[in-house]
């Protein structure tokens, strides 16, 4: 149903359009599966490689290894994949702002029960109310994400609330990497068919976080809009992390043995030998 791209800068990416991604969620719920659907953007690539180098644990690696699929949430990943010779297009970049209407329509039409964990007290209720108004008949329960995840008693209370609702779809929006780590640490105790880490999705629904026009995201400029909205919080992510990723990418290529360097290079960086190609064609 979907295409897997392997051995690509230590990433495992699935090339999925929004319709294919929705179809996967429908398949998981209707089949009674327990599937984790993850996503990669440049921030997650930075976190994954930082974890490889500095630890202290491997929670992000475990999270992505557990995922049924990992879709693309960032044009930077599309561009990076193209550099390595993989045929990703803008249609394979699916943000949660774009995916949410498809998910909620599927939830309403198929009578899914949806649980959202995340956002701040007050905001989560406002966002949930707007979703219920927008999608009549939507079975949705929401709880804020401002609790101490290290407090076992408090965490167990959240897990019990989720279990009592018996959601088909669990959306966790507590910011990366907190949401991924929470899912990984509690995965075995979660009884939802589809589990996704959805970031600040409900903040946008509630109107707290502004959403740029979709053409901005499809051109790869959404980060500029977001950085302009929250420069202090996002300065390191958008001004420092990309340089770290580029450094680690170069470092990984330099460590490849000489005889294997050409095969490890991104396809866009391998020089084309016209004479050799002509000889091969004869």
Protein backbone atom coordinates (compact mmCIF):
# COMPACT_ATOMS: atom_id res chain seq x y z
CA UNK A 1 0.00 0.00 0.00
CA UNK A 2 2.91 2.36 0.58
CA UNK A 3 6.51 2.75 -0.50
CA UNK A 4 9.37 2.40 1.96
CA UNK A 5 12.63 4.29 1.57
CA UNK A 6 15.40 2.61 3.56
CA UNK A 7 19.08 3.37 4.32
CA UNK A 8 18.72 7.10 3.94
CA UNK A 9 20.80 8.99 6.50
CA UNK A 10 19.70 6.51 9.19
CA UNK A 11 16.07 7.32 8.43
CA UNK A 12 13.20 5.05 7.43
CA UNK A 13 10.68 7.06 5.44
CA UNK A 14 7.43 6.02 3.77
CA UNK A 15 6.29 7.99 0.75
CA UNK A 16 2.61 8.62 1.47
CA UNK A 17 0.15 11.16 0.18
CA UNK A 18 -2.56 12.43 2.49
CA UNK A 19 -5.10 10.04 0.96
CA UNK A 20 -2.77 7.05 1.34
CA UNK A 21 -2.01 8.02 4.92
CA UNK A 22 -5.71 8.28 5.71
CA UNK A 23 -6.29 4.91 4.05
CA UNK A 24 -3.62 3.39 6.27
CA UNK A 25 -5.37 4.74 9.39
CA UNK A 26 -8.71 3.37 8.18
CA UNK A 27 -7.10 -0.02 7.51
CA UNK A 28 -5.58 -0.08 10.98
CA UNK A 29 -8.79 0.77 12.79
CA UNK A 30 -11.04 -1.51 10.73
CA UNK A 31 -8.55 -4.36 11.08
CA UNK A 32 -8.27 -3.96 14.84
CA UNK A 33 -4.55 -3.26 14.64
CA UNK A 34 -2.37 -1.37 17.06
CA UNK A 35 -0.28 0.82 14.80
CA UNK A 36 1.96 3.74 15.60
CA UNK A 37 2.18 6.26 12.77
CA UNK A 38 5.24 8.51 13.14
CA UNK A 39 6.51 11.46 11.15
CA UNK A 40 9.84 13.03 10.33
CA UNK A 41 10.80 16.67 9.95
CA UNK A 42 14.20 18.31 10.29
CA UNK A 43 13.76 18.69 14.05
CA UNK A 44 13.19 14.94 14.51
CA UNK A 45 16.24 14.18 12.33
CA UNK A 46 18.31 16.45 14.58
CA UNK A 47 16.95 14.78 17.74
CA UNK A 48 17.53 11.29 16.37
CA UNK A 49 21.15 11.94 15.41
CA UNK A 50 21.85 13.86 18.61
CA UNK A 51 20.58 10.86 20.54
CA UNK A 52 22.91 8.57 18.56
CA UNK A 53 25.90 10.71 19.47
CA UNK A 54 25.18 11.89 22.99
CA UNK A 55 22.43 9.69 24.48
CA UNK A 56 21.66 9.29 27.30
CA UNK A 57 19.04 6.79 26.05
CA UNK A 58 17.59 5.60 22.74
CA UNK A 59 13.92 6.47 23.24
CA UNK A 60 13.59 8.26 19.87
CA UNK A 61 15.23 5.36 18.05
CA UNK A 62 12.92 2.90 19.80
CA UNK A 63 9.92 5.06 18.91
CA UNK A 64 10.71 5.21 15.19
CA UNK A 65 11.66 1.52 15.07
CA UNK A 66 8.27 0.69 16.56
CA UNK A 67 6.32 2.72 13.99
CA UNK A 68 4.22 0.97 11.36
CA UNK A 69 5.15 3.81 9.04
CA UNK A 70 6.88 7.18 9.19
CA UNK A 71 5.53 9.84 6.87
CA UNK A 72 7.11 13.12 5.83
CA UNK A 73 6.19 16.29 7.75
CA UNK A 74 8.56 18.88 6.35
CA UNK A 75 9.76 19.95 2.90
CA UNK A 76 13.35 19.70 4.15
CA UNK A 77 12.92 15.92 4.30
CA UNK A 78 11.57 15.86 0.74
CA UNK A 79 14.62 17.83 -0.44
CA UNK A 80 17.02 15.66 1.54
CA UNK A 81 15.45 12.49 0.12
CA UNK A 82 15.77 13.87 -3.42
CA UNK A 83 19.44 14.53 -2.76
CA UNK A 84 19.80 10.81 -2.06
CA UNK A 85 18.01 9.90 -5.28
CA UNK A 86 14.55 9.12 -3.86
CA UNK A 87 11.53 10.32 -5.82
CA UNK A 88 9.56 12.25 -3.23
CA UNK A 89 7.30 15.11 -4.26
CA UNK A 90 5.47 17.87 -2.44
CA UNK A 91 2.45 15.55 -2.29
CA UNK A 92 4.40 13.30 0.10
CA UNK A 93 4.77 16.10 2.61
CA UNK A 94 1.75 15.78 4.92
CA UNK A 95 1.47 18.06 7.94
CA UNK A 96 -1.05 17.45 10.70
CA UNK A 97 -2.81 20.68 9.83
CA UNK A 98 -3.43 19.21 6.39
CA UNK A 99 -4.18 15.68 7.60
CA UNK A 100 -6.56 16.58 10.42
CA UNK A 101 -9.71 17.15 8.27
CA UNK A 102 -9.23 13.77 6.57
CA UNK A 103 -8.78 12.04 9.92
CA UNK A 104 -11.78 13.72 11.52
CA UNK A 105 -14.03 12.98 8.53
CA UNK A 106 -12.96 9.33 8.67
CA UNK A 107 -13.56 9.28 12.42
CA UNK A 108 -17.07 10.71 12.00
CA UNK A 109 -18.04 8.51 9.06
CA UNK A 110 -16.73 5.32 10.67
CA UNK A 111 -17.79 6.08 14.26
CA UNK A 112 -14.27 6.15 15.66
CA UNK A 113 -13.64 7.22 19.21
CA UNK A 114 -10.87 9.84 19.32
CA UNK A 115 -8.77 10.83 22.34
CA UNK A 116 -6.53 13.90 22.23
CA UNK A 117 -3.82 14.35 24.87
CA UNK A 118 -1.97 17.64 24.72
CA UNK A 119 -2.12 21.46 24.69
CA UNK A 120 -2.67 23.58 27.78
CA UNK A 121 -5.66 23.60 30.16
CA UNK A 122 -8.36 25.76 28.61
CA UNK A 123 -6.91 25.62 25.12
CA UNK A 124 -7.51 21.88 24.78
CA UNK A 125 -11.19 22.28 25.73
CA UNK A 126 -11.63 25.15 23.26
CA UNK A 127 -10.00 23.19 20.43
CA UNK A 128 -12.02 20.06 21.21
CA UNK A 129 -15.25 22.07 21.22
CA UNK A 130 -14.45 23.51 17.79
CA UNK A 131 -13.75 20.06 16.38
CA UNK A 132 -17.06 18.73 17.71
CA UNK A 133 -18.87 21.71 16.16
CA UNK A 134 -17.06 21.25 12.86
CA UNK A 135 -17.60 17.48 12.67
CA UNK A 136 -21.08 16.66 13.91
CA UNK A 137 -21.24 13.39 15.78
CA UNK A 138 -17.50 13.21 16.46
CA UNK A 139 -16.81 11.13 19.60
CA UNK A 140 -13.90 13.05 21.08
CA UNK A 141 -12.42 13.25 24.56
CA UNK A 142 -9.51 15.61 25.29
CA UNK A 143 -7.12 16.13 28.18
CA UNK A 144 -4.37 18.71 28.53
CA UNK A 145 -0.74 17.65 28.34
CA UNK A 146 0.49 19.70 31.29
CA UNK A 147 1.08 16.90 33.76
CA UNK A 148 4.22 15.45 35.30
CA UNK A 149 5.03 12.42 33.14
CA UNK A 150 7.66 11.34 35.67
CA UNK A 151 5.00 11.12 38.40
CA UNK A 152 3.78 7.53 38.09
CA UNK A 153 0.55 8.16 39.97
CA UNK A 154 -0.38 11.11 37.77
CA UNK A 155 0.66 9.25 34.64
CA UNK A 156 -1.42 6.22 35.62
CA UNK A 157 -4.43 8.49 36.06
CA UNK A 158 -4.05 9.67 32.45
CA UNK A 159 -3.60 6.11 31.19
CA UNK A 160 -6.73 5.02 33.08
CA UNK A 161 -8.75 7.85 31.53
CA UNK A 162 -7.59 6.86 28.04
CA UNK A 163 -8.38 3.20 28.72
CA UNK A 164 -11.87 4.01 29.99
CA UNK A 165 -12.68 5.88 26.77
CA UNK A 166 -11.38 3.03 24.54
CA UNK A 167 -10.25 5.27 21.66
CA UNK A 168 -9.74 3.99 18.13
CA UNK A 169 -7.45 6.95 17.46
CA UNK A 170 -5.12 8.44 20.07
CA UNK A 171 -3.47 11.77 19.22
CA UNK A 172 -0.67 12.98 21.50
CA UNK A 173 0.26 16.64 21.10
CA UNK A 174 2.83 17.52 23.75
CA UNK A 175 5.67 18.80 21.59
CA UNK A 176 8.64 16.92 20.19
CA UNK A 177 10.35 14.95 21.70
CA UNK A 178 8.16 14.85 24.85
CA UNK A 179 5.20 13.34 23.00
CA UNK A 180 7.33 10.67 21.30
CA UNK A 181 9.04 9.72 24.53
CA UNK A 182 5.70 9.49 26.36
CA UNK A 183 4.24 7.24 23.66
CA UNK A 184 7.31 5.00 23.68
CA UNK A 185 7.36 4.70 27.47
CA UNK A 186 3.64 3.91 27.70
CA UNK A 187 3.01 2.09 24.42
CA UNK A 188 2.42 -1.33 25.97
CA UNK A 189 -0.28 0.12 28.25
CA UNK A 190 -2.11 1.95 25.47
CA UNK A 191 -5.05 0.13 23.90
CA UNK A 192 -5.69 2.33 20.87
CA UNK A 193 -5.69 1.09 17.28
CA UNK A 194 -3.93 4.11 15.75
CA UNK A 195 -1.51 6.25 17.76
CA UNK A 196 0.01 9.44 16.37
CA UNK A 197 2.17 12.25 17.74
CA UNK A 198 0.39 15.33 16.43
CA UNK A 199 2.30 18.30 17.87
CA UNK A 200 0.44 21.58 18.39
CA UNK A 201 -2.43 20.58 16.13
CA UNK A 202 -5.22 21.42 18.58
CA UNK A 203 -3.59 24.76 19.42
CA UNK A 204 -4.09 25.69 15.79
CA UNK A 205 -7.71 24.53 15.84
CA UNK A 206 -8.28 26.63 18.97
CA UNK A 207 -6.73 29.67 17.26
CA UNK A 208 -3.84 29.99 19.73
CA UNK A 209 -1.17 29.04 17.21
CA UNK A 210 -1.50 30.75 13.84
CA UNK A 211 -1.44 28.62 10.72
CA UNK A 212 0.13 29.91 7.49
CA UNK A 213 -1.48 29.45 4.09
CA UNK A 214 -0.90 25.91 2.81
CA UNK A 215 1.02 27.13 -0.25
CA UNK A 216 3.67 28.50 2.11
CA UNK A 217 4.19 25.07 3.63
CA UNK A 218 4.21 23.34 0.25
CA UNK A 219 6.99 25.66 -0.89
CA UNK A 220 9.00 24.88 2.23
CA UNK A 221 8.72 28.32 3.84
CA UNK A 222 6.44 27.50 6.78
CA UNK A 223 9.45 27.60 9.13
CA UNK A 224 9.92 31.30 8.34
CA UNK A 225 6.32 32.01 9.27
CA UNK A 226 6.59 30.01 12.50
CA UNK A 227 9.94 31.53 13.41
CA UNK A 228 8.48 35.01 12.92
CA UNK A 229 5.59 34.11 15.23
CA UNK A 230 7.75 32.63 18.03
CA UNK A 231 11.36 33.75 17.47
CA UNK A 232 12.61 33.17 21.01
CA UNK A 233 11.25 29.63 21.34
CA UNK A 234 12.20 28.52 17.83
CA UNK A 235 15.56 30.28 17.33
CA UNK A 236 17.70 27.24 18.15
CA UNK A 237 15.51 24.88 16.12
CA UNK A 238 15.58 26.93 12.94
CA UNK A 239 18.93 28.70 13.13
CA UNK A 240 21.22 26.11 14.76
CA UNK A 241 19.79 22.62 14.28
CA UNK A 242 19.94 22.62 10.44
CA UNK A 243 23.69 23.33 10.58
CA UNK A 244 24.17 20.45 13.02
CA UNK A 245 22.30 18.12 10.65
CA UNK A 246 24.41 19.26 7.70
CA UNK A 247 27.59 18.71 9.72
CA UNK A 248 26.50 15.21 10.76
CA UNK A 249 25.53 14.41 7.17
CA UNK A 250 28.98 15.43 5.93
CA UNK A 251 30.62 13.57 8.80
CA UNK A 252 28.73 10.35 8.01
CA UNK A 253 29.84 10.50 4.37
CA UNK A 254 33.48 11.13 5.29
CA UNK A 255 33.52 8.06 7.55
CA UNK A 256 32.59 5.71 4.70
CA UNK A 257 35.55 3.59 3.45
CA UNK A 258 37.04 4.85 0.18
CA UNK A 259 35.80 1.93 -1.92
CA UNK A 260 32.22 2.48 -0.67
CA UNK A 261 32.08 6.26 -0.81
CA UNK A 262 30.51 6.52 -4.25
CA UNK A 263 27.69 4.15 -3.38
CA UNK A 264 27.05 6.10 -0.15
CA UNK A 265 26.96 9.51 -1.81
CA UNK A 266 23.64 11.16 -2.52
CA UNK A 267 22.79 10.47 -6.16
CA UNK A 268 22.74 14.18 -6.91
CA UNK A 269 26.43 14.39 -5.92
CA UNK A 270 27.72 11.46 -8.04
CA UNK A 271 29.31 12.76 -11.28
CA UNK A 272 27.84 11.26 -14.45
CA UNK A 273 30.41 9.53 -16.65
CA UNK A 274 29.12 9.91 -20.22
CA UNK A 275 31.85 7.76 -21.75
CA UNK A 276 31.20 4.89 -19.33
CA UNK A 277 27.47 5.15 -19.98
CA UNK A 278 28.09 4.94 -23.73
CA UNK A 279 30.27 1.84 -23.25
CA UNK A 280 27.57 0.20 -21.13
CA UNK A 281 25.00 0.87 -23.81
CA UNK A 282 27.01 -0.90 -26.53
